[in-house]
């Protein structure tokens, strides 16, 4: 079993952020062969941070449901719980990225306003 959520997230973020690491992309695509459905597909094909967040939430719900349905003595139980922790951590990282992006946009707006206050444009 592989951590498909993380690989799909990597693919989505590479697209959203414009990261062009071909070897990382090829590795992630290979890991996901045969598993591109539901939130995994959504993450891998995301075109915006909002899409990434939405599909990451759905992946978390799927993982939580899987864990709830497993017996604690299942050999995959510990690993699946570890995946859940990794995906929750990734969710927090994506939220921070979104907040930072919004802060940059707000800062550019403030800089624009300050520029016009300092050098008024006559129309």
PDB file of N, CA and C in Angstrom:
ATOM      1  N   UNK A   1       0.849  -1.179   0.000  1.00  0.00           N
ATOM      2  CA  UNK A   1       0.000   0.000   0.000  1.00  0.00           C
ATOM      3  C   UNK A   1       0.891   1.237   0.000  1.00  0.00           C
ATOM      4  N   UNK A   2       0.437   2.240  -0.689  1.00  0.00           N
ATOM      5  CA  UNK A   2       1.224   3.462  -0.799  1.00  0.00           C
ATOM      6  C   UNK A   2       0.393   4.653  -0.347  1.00  0.00           C
ATOM      7  N   UNK A   3       1.063   5.706  -0.039  1.00  0.00           N
ATOM      8  CA  UNK A   3       0.391   6.921   0.412  1.00  0.00           C
ATOM      9  C   UNK A   3      -0.035   7.732  -0.814  1.00  0.00           C
ATOM     10  N   UNK A   4      -1.096   7.277  -1.446  1.00  0.00           N
ATOM     11  CA  UNK A   4      -1.562   7.898  -2.680  1.00  0.00           C
ATOM     12  C   UNK A   4      -1.978   9.347  -2.481  1.00  0.00           C
ATOM     13  N   UNK A   5      -2.494   9.659  -1.313  1.00  0.00           N
ATOM     14  CA  UNK A   5      -2.927  11.028  -1.049  1.00  0.00           C
ATOM     15  C   UNK A   5      -1.763  12.002  -1.159  1.00  0.00           C
ATOM     16  N   UNK A   6      -0.624  11.629  -0.596  1.00  0.00           N
ATOM     17  CA  UNK A   6       0.544  12.518  -0.615  1.00  0.00           C
ATOM     18  C   UNK A   6       1.099  12.662  -2.025  1.00  0.00           C
ATOM     19  N   UNK A   7       1.176  11.569  -2.758  1.00  0.00           N
ATOM     20  CA  UNK A   7       1.681  11.649  -4.140  1.00  0.00           C
ATOM     21  C   UNK A   7       0.741  12.476  -5.008  1.00  0.00           C
ATOM     22  N   UNK A   8      -0.561  12.295  -4.831  1.00  0.00           N
ATOM     23  CA  UNK A   8      -1.529  13.077  -5.607  1.00  0.00           C
ATOM     24  C   UNK A   8      -1.433  14.553  -5.234  1.00  0.00           C
ATOM     25  N   UNK A   9      -1.248  14.825  -3.944  1.00  0.00           N
ATOM     26  CA  UNK A   9      -1.087  16.200  -3.491  1.00  0.00           C
ATOM     27  C   UNK A   9       0.158  16.824  -4.114  1.00  0.00           C
ATOM     28  N   UNK A  10       1.231  16.073  -4.161  1.00  0.00           N
ATOM     29  CA  UNK A  10       2.458  16.585  -4.787  1.00  0.00           C
ATOM     30  C   UNK A  10       2.202  16.970  -6.241  1.00  0.00           C
ATOM     31  N   UNK A  11       1.496  16.101  -6.976  1.00  0.00           N
ATOM     32  CA  UNK A  11       1.190  16.398  -8.379  1.00  0.00           C
ATOM     33  C   UNK A  11       0.352  17.669  -8.499  1.00  0.00           C
ATOM     34  N   UNK A  12      -0.679  17.755  -7.676  1.00  0.00           N
ATOM     35  CA  UNK A  12      -1.539  18.927  -7.733  1.00  0.00           C
ATOM     36  C   UNK A  12      -0.793  20.204  -7.411  1.00  0.00           C
ATOM     37  N   UNK A  13       0.017  20.166  -6.367  1.00  0.00           N
ATOM     38  CA  UNK A  13       0.769  21.361  -5.987  1.00  0.00           C
ATOM     39  C   UNK A  13       1.827  21.721  -7.024  1.00  0.00           C
ATOM     40  N   UNK A  14       2.431  20.705  -7.656  1.00  0.00           N
ATOM     41  CA  UNK A  14       3.394  21.009  -8.721  1.00  0.00           C
ATOM     42  C   UNK A  14       2.700  21.786  -9.830  1.00  0.00           C
ATOM     43  N   UNK A  15       1.490  21.401 -10.160  1.00  0.00           N
ATOM     44  CA  UNK A  15       0.750  22.109 -11.212  1.00  0.00           C
ATOM     45  C   UNK A  15       0.344  23.508 -10.748  1.00  0.00           C
ATOM     46  N   UNK A  16      -0.233  23.594  -9.568  1.00  0.00           N
ATOM     47  CA  UNK A  16      -0.718  24.879  -9.055  1.00  0.00           C
ATOM     48  C   UNK A  16       0.422  25.876  -8.893  1.00  0.00           C
ATOM     49  N   UNK A  17       1.561  25.400  -8.397  1.00  0.00           N
ATOM     50  CA  UNK A  17       2.692  26.287  -8.127  1.00  0.00           C
ATOM     51  C   UNK A  17       3.649  26.436  -9.306  1.00  0.00           C
ATOM     52  N   UNK A  18       3.423  25.662 -10.350  1.00  0.00           N
ATOM     53  CA  UNK A  18       4.280  25.752 -11.523  1.00  0.00           C
ATOM     54  C   UNK A  18       5.653  25.137 -11.329  1.00  0.00           C
ATOM     55  N   UNK A  19       5.738  24.141 -10.462  1.00  0.00           N
ATOM     56  CA  UNK A  19       7.004  23.456 -10.222  1.00  0.00           C
ATOM     57  C   UNK A  19       7.221  22.449 -11.345  1.00  0.00           C
ATOM     58  N   UNK A  20       8.349  22.537 -12.008  1.00  0.00           N
ATOM     59  CA  UNK A  20       8.589  21.701 -13.174  1.00  0.00           C
ATOM     60  C   UNK A  20       9.558  20.565 -12.954  1.00  0.00           C
ATOM     61  N   UNK A  21       9.472  19.872 -11.854  1.00  0.00           N
ATOM     62  CA  UNK A  21      10.377  18.762 -11.564  1.00  0.00           C
ATOM     63  C   UNK A  21       9.847  17.503 -12.250  1.00  0.00           C
ATOM     64  N   UNK A  22      10.369  17.240 -13.452  1.00  0.00           N
ATOM     65  CA  UNK A  22       9.865  16.119 -14.250  1.00  0.00           C
ATOM     66  C   UNK A  22      10.064  14.774 -13.576  1.00  0.00           C
ATOM     67  N   UNK A  23      11.191  14.573 -12.905  1.00  0.00           N
ATOM     68  CA  UNK A  23      11.427  13.262 -12.280  1.00  0.00           C
ATOM     69  C   UNK A  23      10.473  13.045 -11.112  1.00  0.00           C
ATOM     70  N   UNK A  24      10.198  14.078 -10.324  1.00  0.00           N
ATOM     71  CA  UNK A  24       9.243  13.947  -9.225  1.00  0.00           C
ATOM     72  C   UNK A  24       7.845  13.698  -9.767  1.00  0.00           C
ATOM     73  N   UNK A  25       7.491  14.378 -10.850  1.00  0.00           N
ATOM     74  CA  UNK A  25       6.180  14.182 -11.477  1.00  0.00           C
ATOM     75  C   UNK A  25       6.040  12.750 -11.995  1.00  0.00           C
ATOM     76  N   UNK A  26       7.066  12.270 -12.685  1.00  0.00           N
ATOM     77  CA  UNK A  26       7.024  10.900 -13.212  1.00  0.00           C
ATOM     78  C   UNK A  26       6.917   9.879 -12.088  1.00  0.00           C
ATOM     79  N   UNK A  27       7.655  10.091 -11.004  1.00  0.00           N
ATOM     80  CA  UNK A  27       7.598   9.179  -9.864  1.00  0.00           C
ATOM     81  C   UNK A  27       6.186   9.148  -9.280  1.00  0.00           C
ATOM     82  N   UNK A  28       5.594  10.320  -9.075  1.00  0.00           N
ATOM     83  CA  UNK A  28       4.250  10.398  -8.503  1.00  0.00           C
ATOM     84  C   UNK A  28       3.231   9.744  -9.432  1.00  0.00           C
ATOM     85  N   UNK A  29       3.342  10.006 -10.710  1.00  0.00           N
ATOM     86  CA  UNK A  29       2.402   9.408 -11.664  1.00  0.00           C
ATOM     87  C   UNK A  29       2.505   7.882 -11.661  1.00  0.00           C
ATOM     88  N   UNK A  30       3.733   7.372 -11.557  1.00  0.00           N
ATOM     89  CA  UNK A  30       3.926   5.927 -11.513  1.00  0.00           C
ATOM     90  C   UNK A  30       3.303   5.334 -10.250  1.00  0.00           C
ATOM     91  N   UNK A  31       3.489   5.999  -9.109  1.00  0.00           N
ATOM     92  CA  UNK A  31       2.907   5.542  -7.837  1.00  0.00           C
ATOM     93  C   UNK A  31       1.384   5.485  -7.910  1.00  0.00           C
ATOM     94  N   UNK A  32       0.801   6.389  -8.670  1.00  0.00           N
ATOM     95  CA  UNK A  32      -0.658   6.520  -8.710  1.00  0.00           C
ATOM     96  C   UNK A  32      -1.337   5.694  -9.802  1.00  0.00           C
ATOM     97  N   UNK A  33      -0.551   5.030 -10.640  1.00  0.00           N
ATOM     98  CA  UNK A  33      -1.154   4.223 -11.702  1.00  0.00           C
ATOM     99  C   UNK A  33      -2.185   3.267 -11.118  1.00  0.00           C
ATOM    100  N   UNK A  34      -3.390   3.330 -11.681  1.00  0.00           N
ATOM    101  CA  UNK A  34      -4.465   2.455 -11.230  1.00  0.00           C
ATOM    102  C   UNK A  34      -5.195   2.935  -9.987  1.00  0.00           C
ATOM    103  N   UNK A  35      -4.820   4.085  -9.461  1.00  0.00           N
ATOM    104  CA  UNK A  35      -5.432   4.588  -8.229  1.00  0.00           C
ATOM    105  C   UNK A  35      -6.020   5.984  -8.408  1.00  0.00           C
ATOM    106  N   UNK A  36      -6.123   6.446  -9.642  1.00  0.00           N
ATOM    107  CA  UNK A  36      -6.624   7.801  -9.883  1.00  0.00           C
ATOM    108  C   UNK A  36      -8.147   7.805  -9.959  1.00  0.00           C
ATOM    109  N   UNK A  37      -8.749   7.870  -8.792  1.00  0.00           N
ATOM    110  CA  UNK A  37     -10.198   7.971  -8.706  1.00  0.00           C
ATOM    111  C   UNK A  37     -10.562   8.779  -7.471  1.00  0.00           C
ATOM    112  N   UNK A  38     -11.742   9.336  -7.460  1.00  0.00           N
ATOM    113  CA  UNK A  38     -12.218  10.099  -6.312  1.00  0.00           C
ATOM    114  C   UNK A  38     -11.302  11.254  -5.961  1.00  0.00           C
ATOM    115  N   UNK A  39     -11.106  11.470  -4.644  1.00  0.00           N
ATOM    116  CA  UNK A  39     -10.286  12.604  -4.224  1.00  0.00           C
ATOM    117  C   UNK A  39      -8.825  12.497  -4.671  1.00  0.00           C
ATOM    118  N   UNK A  40      -8.345  11.281  -4.894  1.00  0.00           N
ATOM    119  CA  UNK A  40      -6.956  11.111  -5.363  1.00  0.00           C
ATOM    120  C   UNK A  40      -6.825  11.739  -6.749  1.00  0.00           C
ATOM    121  N   UNK A  41      -7.779  11.454  -7.624  1.00  0.00           N
ATOM    122  CA  UNK A  41      -7.775  12.064  -8.966  1.00  0.00           C
ATOM    123  C   UNK A  41      -7.907  13.582  -8.843  1.00  0.00           C
ATOM    124  N   UNK A  42      -8.822  14.021  -7.999  1.00  0.00           N
ATOM    125  CA  UNK A  42      -9.027  15.449  -7.816  1.00  0.00           C
ATOM    126  C   UNK A  42      -7.770  16.161  -7.357  1.00  0.00           C
ATOM    127  N   UNK A  43      -7.062  15.547  -6.398  1.00  0.00           N
ATOM    128  CA  UNK A  43      -5.806  16.142  -5.928  1.00  0.00           C
ATOM    129  C   UNK A  43      -4.771  16.203  -7.045  1.00  0.00           C
ATOM    130  N   UNK A  44      -4.617  15.110  -7.756  1.00  0.00           N
ATOM    131  CA  UNK A  44      -3.598  15.027  -8.806  1.00  0.00           C
ATOM    132  C   UNK A  44      -3.863  16.018  -9.930  1.00  0.00           C
ATOM    133  N   UNK A  45      -5.141  16.311 -10.174  1.00  0.00           N
ATOM    134  CA  UNK A  45      -5.494  17.171 -11.300  1.00  0.00           C
ATOM    135  C   UNK A  45      -5.910  18.578 -10.879  1.00  0.00           C
ATOM    136  N   UNK A  46      -5.720  18.925  -9.622  1.00  0.00           N
ATOM    137  CA  UNK A  46      -6.154  20.231  -9.119  1.00  0.00           C
ATOM    138  C   UNK A  46      -5.493  21.364  -9.880  1.00  0.00           C
ATOM    139  N   UNK A  47      -6.287  22.408 -10.103  1.00  0.00           N
ATOM    140  CA  UNK A  47      -5.779  23.571 -10.821  1.00  0.00           C
ATOM    141  C   UNK A  47      -5.676  24.818  -9.964  1.00  0.00           C
ATOM    142  N   UNK A  48      -6.055  24.696  -8.691  1.00  0.00           N
ATOM    143  CA  UNK A  48      -5.980  25.847  -7.786  1.00  0.00           C
ATOM    144  C   UNK A  48      -5.800  25.344  -6.363  1.00  0.00           C
ATOM    145  N   UNK A  49      -5.365  26.235  -5.487  1.00  0.00           N
ATOM    146  CA  UNK A  49      -5.226  25.860  -4.074  1.00  0.00           C
ATOM    147  C   UNK A  49      -6.586  25.512  -3.471  1.00  0.00           C
ATOM    148  N   UNK A  50      -7.620  26.209  -3.893  1.00  0.00           N
ATOM    149  CA  UNK A  50      -8.962  25.905  -3.385  1.00  0.00           C
ATOM    150  C   UNK A  50      -9.367  24.479  -3.756  1.00  0.00           C
ATOM    151  N   UNK A  51      -9.056  24.056  -4.972  1.00  0.00           N
ATOM    152  CA  UNK A  51      -9.347  22.677  -5.388  1.00  0.00           C
ATOM    153  C   UNK A  51      -8.513  21.688  -4.572  1.00  0.00           C
ATOM    154  N   UNK A  52      -7.252  22.007  -4.372  1.00  0.00           N
ATOM    155  CA  UNK A  52      -6.385  21.144  -3.571  1.00  0.00           C
ATOM    156  C   UNK A  52      -6.994  20.958  -2.186  1.00  0.00           C
ATOM    157  N   UNK A  53      -7.391  22.050  -1.557  1.00  0.00           N
ATOM    158  CA  UNK A  53      -7.958  21.976  -0.208  1.00  0.00           C
ATOM    159  C   UNK A  53      -9.240  21.148  -0.191  1.00  0.00           C
ATOM    160  N   UNK A  54     -10.100  21.357  -1.174  1.00  0.00           N
ATOM    161  CA  UNK A  54     -11.363  20.618  -1.232  1.00  0.00           C
ATOM    162  C   UNK A  54     -11.126  19.110  -1.372  1.00  0.00           C
ATOM    163  N   UNK A  55     -10.240  18.736  -2.278  1.00  0.00           N
ATOM    164  CA  UNK A  55      -9.979  17.313  -2.505  1.00  0.00           C
ATOM    165  C   UNK A  55      -9.191  16.694  -1.354  1.00  0.00           C
ATOM    166  N   UNK A  56      -8.352  17.482  -0.708  1.00  0.00           N
ATOM    167  CA  UNK A  56      -7.619  16.995   0.463  1.00  0.00           C
ATOM    168  C   UNK A  56      -8.589  16.700   1.606  1.00  0.00           C
ATOM    169  N   UNK A  57      -9.581  17.571   1.791  1.00  0.00           N
ATOM    170  CA  UNK A  57     -10.624  17.313   2.797  1.00  0.00           C
ATOM    171  C   UNK A  57     -11.359  16.007   2.495  1.00  0.00           C
ATOM    172  N   UNK A  58     -11.699  15.807   1.228  1.00  0.00           N
ATOM    173  CA  UNK A  58     -12.395  14.576   0.838  1.00  0.00           C
ATOM    174  C   UNK A  58     -11.517  13.348   1.063  1.00  0.00           C
ATOM    175  N   UNK A  59     -10.225  13.467   0.781  1.00  0.00           N
ATOM    176  CA  UNK A  59      -9.300  12.349   1.013  1.00  0.00           C
ATOM    177  C   UNK A  59      -9.226  12.019   2.503  1.00  0.00           C
ATOM    178  N   UNK A  60      -9.237  13.049   3.338  1.00  0.00           N
ATOM    179  CA  UNK A  60      -9.222  12.826   4.788  1.00  0.00           C
ATOM    180  C   UNK A  60     -10.471  12.092   5.245  1.00  0.00           C
ATOM    181  N   UNK A  61     -11.607  12.473   4.727  1.00  0.00           N
ATOM    182  CA  UNK A  61     -12.860  11.792   5.079  1.00  0.00           C
ATOM    183  C   UNK A  61     -12.782  10.323   4.683  1.00  0.00           C
ATOM    184  N   UNK A  62     -12.286  10.060   3.474  1.00  0.00           N
ATOM    185  CA  UNK A  62     -12.147   8.667   3.019  1.00  0.00           C
ATOM    186  C   UNK A  62     -11.219   7.880   3.933  1.00  0.00           C
ATOM    187  N   UNK A  63     -10.087   8.472   4.307  1.00  0.00           N
ATOM    188  CA  UNK A  63      -9.147   7.791   5.200  1.00  0.00           C
ATOM    189  C   UNK A  63      -9.766   7.531   6.571  1.00  0.00           C
ATOM    190  N   UNK A  64     -10.458   8.523   7.106  1.00  0.00           N
ATOM    191  CA  UNK A  64     -11.102   8.356   8.414  1.00  0.00           C
ATOM    192  C   UNK A  64     -12.137   7.238   8.366  1.00  0.00           C
ATOM    193  N   UNK A  65     -12.899   7.170   7.270  1.00  0.00           N
ATOM    194  CA  UNK A  65     -13.887   6.104   7.113  1.00  0.00           C
ATOM    195  C   UNK A  65     -13.210   4.743   7.011  1.00  0.00           C
ATOM    196  N   UNK A  66     -12.102   4.678   6.301  1.00  0.00           N
ATOM    197  CA  UNK A  66     -11.361   3.419   6.176  1.00  0.00           C
ATOM    198  C   UNK A  66     -10.870   2.940   7.532  1.00  0.00           C
ATOM    199  N   UNK A  67     -10.325   3.853   8.308  1.00  0.00           N
ATOM    200  CA  UNK A  67      -9.801   3.495   9.630  1.00  0.00           C
ATOM    201  C   UNK A  67     -10.939   3.042  10.545  1.00  0.00           C
ATOM    202  N   UNK A  68     -12.055   3.738  10.478  1.00  0.00           N
ATOM    203  CA  UNK A  68     -13.197   3.377  11.325  1.00  0.00           C
ATOM    204  C   UNK A  68     -13.714   1.979  10.998  1.00  0.00           C
ATOM    205  N   UNK A  69     -13.567   1.566   9.750  1.00  0.00           N
ATOM    206  CA  UNK A  69     -14.055   0.252   9.329  1.00  0.00           C
ATOM    207  C   UNK A  69     -13.045  -0.870   9.576  1.00  0.00           C
ATOM    208  N   UNK A  70     -11.812  -0.525   9.927  1.00  0.00           N
ATOM    209  CA  UNK A  70     -10.755  -1.533  10.111  1.00  0.00           C
ATOM    210  C   UNK A  70     -10.745  -2.057  11.535  1.00  0.00           C
ATOM    211  N   UNK A  71     -10.317  -3.303  11.669  1.00  0.00           N
ATOM    212  CA  UNK A  71     -10.044  -3.861  12.990  1.00  0.00           C
ATOM    213  C   UNK A  71      -8.657  -3.392  13.409  1.00  0.00           C
ATOM    214  N   UNK A  72      -8.504  -3.118  14.694  1.00  0.00           N
ATOM    215  CA  UNK A  72      -7.213  -2.619  15.171  1.00  0.00           C
ATOM    216  C   UNK A  72      -6.097  -3.650  15.035  1.00  0.00           C
ATOM    217  N   UNK A  73      -6.440  -4.921  14.846  1.00  0.00           N
ATOM    218  CA  UNK A  73      -5.408  -5.942  14.651  1.00  0.00           C
ATOM    219  C   UNK A  73      -5.107  -6.197  13.171  1.00  0.00           C
ATOM    220  N   UNK A  74      -5.739  -5.438  12.296  1.00  0.00           N
ATOM    221  CA  UNK A  74      -5.461  -5.532  10.862  1.00  0.00           C
ATOM    222  C   UNK A  74      -4.018  -5.097  10.639  1.00  0.00           C
ATOM    223  N   UNK A  75      -3.250  -5.847   9.861  1.00  0.00           N
ATOM    224  CA  UNK A  75      -1.843  -5.490   9.628  1.00  0.00           C
ATOM    225  C   UNK A  75      -1.659  -4.102   8.985  1.00  0.00           C
ATOM    226  N   UNK A  76      -2.659  -3.603   8.293  1.00  0.00           N
ATOM    227  CA  UNK A  76      -2.570  -2.300   7.642  1.00  0.00           C
ATOM    228  C   UNK A  76      -3.063  -1.152   8.532  1.00  0.00           C
ATOM    229  N   UNK A  77      -3.588  -1.471   9.706  1.00  0.00           N
ATOM    230  CA  UNK A  77      -4.203  -0.469  10.569  1.00  0.00           C
ATOM    231  C   UNK A  77      -3.223   0.643  10.964  1.00  0.00           C
ATOM    232  N   UNK A  78      -2.079   0.280  11.444  1.00  0.00           N
ATOM    233  CA  UNK A  78      -1.087   1.274  11.873  1.00  0.00           C
ATOM    234  C   UNK A  78      -0.623   2.149  10.721  1.00  0.00           C
ATOM    235  N   UNK A  79      -0.360   1.523   9.594  1.00  0.00           N
ATOM    236  CA  UNK A  79       0.086   2.279   8.426  1.00  0.00           C
ATOM    237  C   UNK A  79      -1.006   3.243   7.959  1.00  0.00           C
ATOM    238  N   UNK A  80      -2.239   2.780   7.956  1.00  0.00           N
ATOM    239  CA  UNK A  80      -3.337   3.629   7.515  1.00  0.00           C
ATOM    240  C   UNK A  80      -3.512   4.816   8.461  1.00  0.00           C
ATOM    241  N   UNK A  81      -3.362   4.584   9.743  1.00  0.00           N
ATOM    242  CA  UNK A  81      -3.409   5.704  10.704  1.00  0.00           C
ATOM    243  C   UNK A  81      -2.252   6.667  10.459  1.00  0.00           C
ATOM    244  N   UNK A  82      -1.086   6.132  10.124  1.00  0.00           N
ATOM    245  CA  UNK A  82       0.060   6.986   9.783  1.00  0.00           C
ATOM    246  C   UNK A  82      -0.228   7.839   8.556  1.00  0.00           C
ATOM    247  N   UNK A  83      -0.880   7.244   7.561  1.00  0.00           N
ATOM    248  CA  UNK A  83      -1.277   8.011   6.374  1.00  0.00           C
ATOM    249  C   UNK A  83      -2.205   9.147   6.766  1.00  0.00           C
ATOM    250  N   UNK A  84      -3.131   8.856   7.665  1.00  0.00           N
ATOM    251  CA  UNK A  84      -4.067   9.884   8.113  1.00  0.00           C
ATOM    252  C   UNK A  84      -3.311  11.047   8.756  1.00  0.00           C
ATOM    253  N   UNK A  85      -2.347  10.739   9.589  1.00  0.00           N
ATOM    254  CA  UNK A  85      -1.545  11.792  10.231  1.00  0.00           C
ATOM    255  C   UNK A  85      -0.774  12.604   9.190  1.00  0.00           C
ATOM    256  N   UNK A  86      -0.202  11.914   8.222  1.00  0.00           N
ATOM    257  CA  UNK A  86       0.564  12.610   7.175  1.00  0.00           C
ATOM    258  C   UNK A  86      -0.339  13.523   6.350  1.00  0.00           C
ATOM    259  N   UNK A  87      -1.533  13.056   6.045  1.00  0.00           N
ATOM    260  CA  UNK A  87      -2.449  13.862   5.241  1.00  0.00           C
ATOM    261  C   UNK A  87      -2.988  15.035   6.054  1.00  0.00           C
ATOM    262  N   UNK A  88      -3.244  14.830   7.340  1.00  0.00           N
ATOM    263  CA  UNK A  88      -3.652  15.957   8.193  1.00  0.00           C
ATOM    264  C   UNK A  88      -2.552  17.009   8.261  1.00  0.00           C
ATOM    265  N   UNK A  89      -1.307  16.560   8.378  1.00  0.00           N
ATOM    266  CA  UNK A  89      -0.174  17.483   8.394  1.00  0.00           C
ATOM    267  C   UNK A  89      -0.095  18.236   7.066  1.00  0.00           C
ATOM    268  N   UNK A  90      -0.304  17.521   5.969  1.00  0.00           N
ATOM    269  CA  UNK A  90      -0.284  18.152   4.656  1.00  0.00           C
ATOM    270  C   UNK A  90      -1.417  19.174   4.530  1.00  0.00           C
ATOM    271  N   UNK A  91      -2.563  18.854   5.105  1.00  0.00           N
ATOM    272  CA  UNK A  91      -3.691  19.784   5.071  1.00  0.00           C
ATOM    273  C   UNK A  91      -3.333  21.096   5.775  1.00  0.00           C
ATOM    274  N   UNK A  92      -2.657  20.991   6.906  1.00  0.00           N
ATOM    275  CA  UNK A  92      -2.227  22.194   7.624  1.00  0.00           C
ATOM    276  C   UNK A  92      -1.208  22.982   6.799  1.00  0.00           C
ATOM    277  N   UNK A  93      -0.300  22.282   6.127  1.00  0.00           N
ATOM    278  CA  UNK A  93       0.706  22.958   5.301  1.00  0.00           C
ATOM    279  C   UNK A  93       0.046  23.697   4.142  1.00  0.00           C
ATOM    280  N   UNK A  94      -0.939  23.071   3.514  1.00  0.00           N
ATOM    281  CA  UNK A  94      -1.644  23.718   2.405  1.00  0.00           C
ATOM    282  C   UNK A  94      -2.436  24.918   2.916  1.00  0.00           C
ATOM    283  N   UNK A  95      -3.021  24.815   4.097  1.00  0.00           N
ATOM    284  CA  UNK A  95      -3.738  25.952   4.679  1.00  0.00           C
ATOM    285  C   UNK A  95      -2.780  27.118   4.923  1.00  0.00           C
ATOM    286  N   UNK A  96      -1.574  26.811   5.427  1.00  0.00           N
ATOM    287  CA  UNK A  96      -0.578  27.868   5.643  1.00  0.00           C
ATOM    288  C   UNK A  96      -0.182  28.510   4.318  1.00  0.00           C
ATOM    289  N   UNK A  97      -0.013  27.693   3.294  1.00  0.00           N
ATOM    290  CA  UNK A  97       0.337  28.200   1.967  1.00  0.00           C
ATOM    291  C   UNK A  97      -0.753  29.126   1.449  1.00  0.00           C
ATOM    292  N   UNK A  98      -1.985  28.763   1.654  1.00  0.00           N
ATOM    293  CA  UNK A  98      -3.107  29.589   1.218  1.00  0.00           C
ATOM    294  C   UNK A  98      -3.138  30.917   1.970  1.00  0.00           C
ATOM    295  N   UNK A  99      -2.936  30.870   3.282  1.00  0.00           N
ATOM    296  CA  UNK A  99      -2.916  32.092   4.090  1.00  0.00           C
ATOM    297  C   UNK A  99      -1.756  32.989   3.657  1.00  0.00           C
ATOM    298  N   UNK A 100      -0.601  32.399   3.408  1.00  0.00           N
ATOM    299  CA  UNK A 100       0.553  33.187   2.961  1.00  0.00           C
ATOM    300  C   UNK A 100       0.284  33.830   1.606  1.00  0.00           C
ATOM    301  N   UNK A 101      -0.348  33.074   0.716  1.00  0.00           N
ATOM    302  CA  UNK A 101      -0.687  33.624  -0.594  1.00  0.00           C
ATOM    303  C   UNK A 101      -1.650  34.792  -0.478  1.00  0.00           C
ATOM    304  N   UNK A 102      -2.662  34.649   0.373  1.00  0.00           N
ATOM    305  CA  UNK A 102      -3.616  35.742   0.594  1.00  0.00           C
ATOM    306  C   UNK A 102      -2.907  36.957   1.177  1.00  0.00           C
ATOM    307  N   UNK A 103      -1.946  36.729   2.071  1.00  0.00           N
ATOM    308  CA  UNK A 103      -1.192  37.822   2.671  1.00  0.00           C
ATOM    309  C   UNK A 103      -0.379  38.566   1.618  1.00  0.00           C
ATOM    310  N   UNK A 104       0.200  37.842   0.691  1.00  0.00           N
ATOM    311  CA  UNK A 104       0.966  38.474  -0.387  1.00  0.00           C
ATOM    312  C   UNK A 104       0.044  39.334  -1.244  1.00  0.00           C
ATOM    313  N   UNK A 105      -1.118  38.794  -1.588  1.00  0.00           N
ATOM    314  CA  UNK A 105      -2.077  39.556  -2.398  1.00  0.00           C
ATOM    315  C   UNK A 105      -2.515  40.812  -1.657  1.00  0.00           C
ATOM    316  N   UNK A 106      -2.819  40.679  -0.360  1.00  0.00           N
ATOM    317  CA  UNK A 106      -3.203  41.847   0.442  1.00  0.00           C
ATOM    318  C   UNK A 106      -2.071  42.869   0.504  1.00  0.00           C
ATOM    319  N   UNK A 107      -0.846  42.394   0.674  1.00  0.00           N
ATOM    320  CA  UNK A 107       0.313  43.284   0.727  1.00  0.00           C
ATOM    321  C   UNK A 107       0.506  44.042  -0.573  1.00  0.00           C
ATOM    322  N   UNK A 108       0.273  43.368  -1.687  1.00  0.00           N
ATOM    323  CA  UNK A 108       0.383  44.055  -2.978  1.00  0.00           C
ATOM    324  C   UNK A 108      -0.696  45.128  -3.108  1.00  0.00           C
ATOM    325  N   UNK A 109      -1.886  44.844  -2.601  1.00  0.00           N
ATOM    326  CA  UNK A 109      -2.949  45.849  -2.604  1.00  0.00           C
ATOM    327  C   UNK A 109      -2.573  47.052  -1.766  1.00  0.00           C
ATOM    328  N   UNK A 110      -1.998  46.794  -0.587  1.00  0.00           N
ATOM    329  CA  UNK A 110      -1.545  47.897   0.281  1.00  0.00           C
ATOM    330  C   UNK A 110      -0.453  48.713  -0.396  1.00  0.00           C
ATOM    331  N   UNK A 111       0.490  48.026  -1.054  1.00  0.00           N
ATOM    332  CA  UNK A 111       1.576  48.726  -1.756  1.00  0.00           C
ATOM    333  C   UNK A 111       1.006  49.588  -2.874  1.00  0.00           C
ATOM    334  N   UNK A 112       0.018  49.068  -3.579  1.00  0.00           N
ATOM    335  CA  UNK A 112      -0.618  49.812  -4.664  1.00  0.00           C
ATOM    336  C   UNK A 112      -1.307  51.063  -4.114  1.00  0.00           C
ATOM    337  N   UNK A 113      -2.048  50.903  -3.023  1.00  0.00           N
ATOM    338  CA  UNK A 113      -2.725  52.045  -2.404  1.00  0.00           C
ATOM    339  C   UNK A 113      -1.723  53.086  -1.929  1.00  0.00           C
ATOM    340  N   UNK A 114      -0.640  52.651  -1.290  1.00  0.00           N
ATOM    341  CA  UNK A 114       0.392  53.565  -0.800  1.00  0.00           C
ATOM    342  C   UNK A 114       1.038  54.319  -1.952  1.00  0.00           C
ATOM    343  N   UNK A 115       1.277  53.636  -3.038  1.00  0.00           N
ATOM    344  CA  UNK A 115       1.870  54.273  -4.211  1.00  0.00           C
ATOM    345  C   UNK A 115       0.968  55.394  -4.715  1.00  0.00           C
ATOM    346  N   UNK A 116      -0.348  55.128  -4.785  1.00  0.00           N
ATOM    347  CA  UNK A 116      -1.273  56.148  -5.279  1.00  0.00           C
ATOM    348  C   UNK A 116      -1.479  57.282  -4.271  1.00  0.00           C
ATOM    349  N   UNK A 117      -1.359  56.985  -2.975  1.00  0.00           N
ATOM    350  CA  UNK A 117      -1.441  58.040  -1.961  1.00  0.00           C
ATOM    351  C   UNK A 117      -0.220  58.958  -2.058  1.00  0.00           C
ATOM    352  N   UNK A 118       0.927  58.353  -2.303  1.00  0.00           N
ATOM    353  CA  UNK A 118       2.170  59.113  -2.386  1.00  0.00           C
ATOM    354  C   UNK A 118       2.272  59.885  -3.692  1.00  0.00           C
ATOM    355  N   UNK A 119       1.846  59.278  -4.762  1.00  0.00           N
ATOM    356  CA  UNK A 119       1.906  59.896  -6.095  1.00  0.00           C
ATOM    357  C   UNK A 119       0.513  59.848  -6.721  1.00  0.00           C
ATOM    358  N   UNK A 120      -0.341  60.796  -6.337  1.00  0.00           N
ATOM    359  CA  UNK A 120      -1.719  60.787  -6.844  1.00  0.00           C
ATOM    360  C   UNK A 120      -1.743  60.869  -8.375  1.00  0.00           C
ATOM    361  N   UNK A 121      -2.658  60.131  -8.926  1.00  0.00           N
ATOM    362  CA  UNK A 121      -2.830  60.120 -10.386  1.00  0.00           C
ATOM    363  C   UNK A 121      -3.943  61.096 -10.725  1.00  0.00           C
ATOM    364  N   UNK A 122      -3.612  62.035 -11.604  1.00  0.00           N
ATOM    365  CA  UNK A 122      -4.615  62.995 -12.030  1.00  0.00           C
ATOM    366  C   UNK A 122      -5.306  62.447 -13.252  1.00  0.00           C
ATOM    367  N   UNK A 123      -6.630  62.510 -13.201  1.00  0.00           N
ATOM    368  CA  UNK A 123      -7.388  61.989 -14.358  1.00  0.00           C
ATOM    369  C   UNK A 123      -8.014  63.088 -15.132  1.00  0.00           C
TER     370      UNK A 123
END
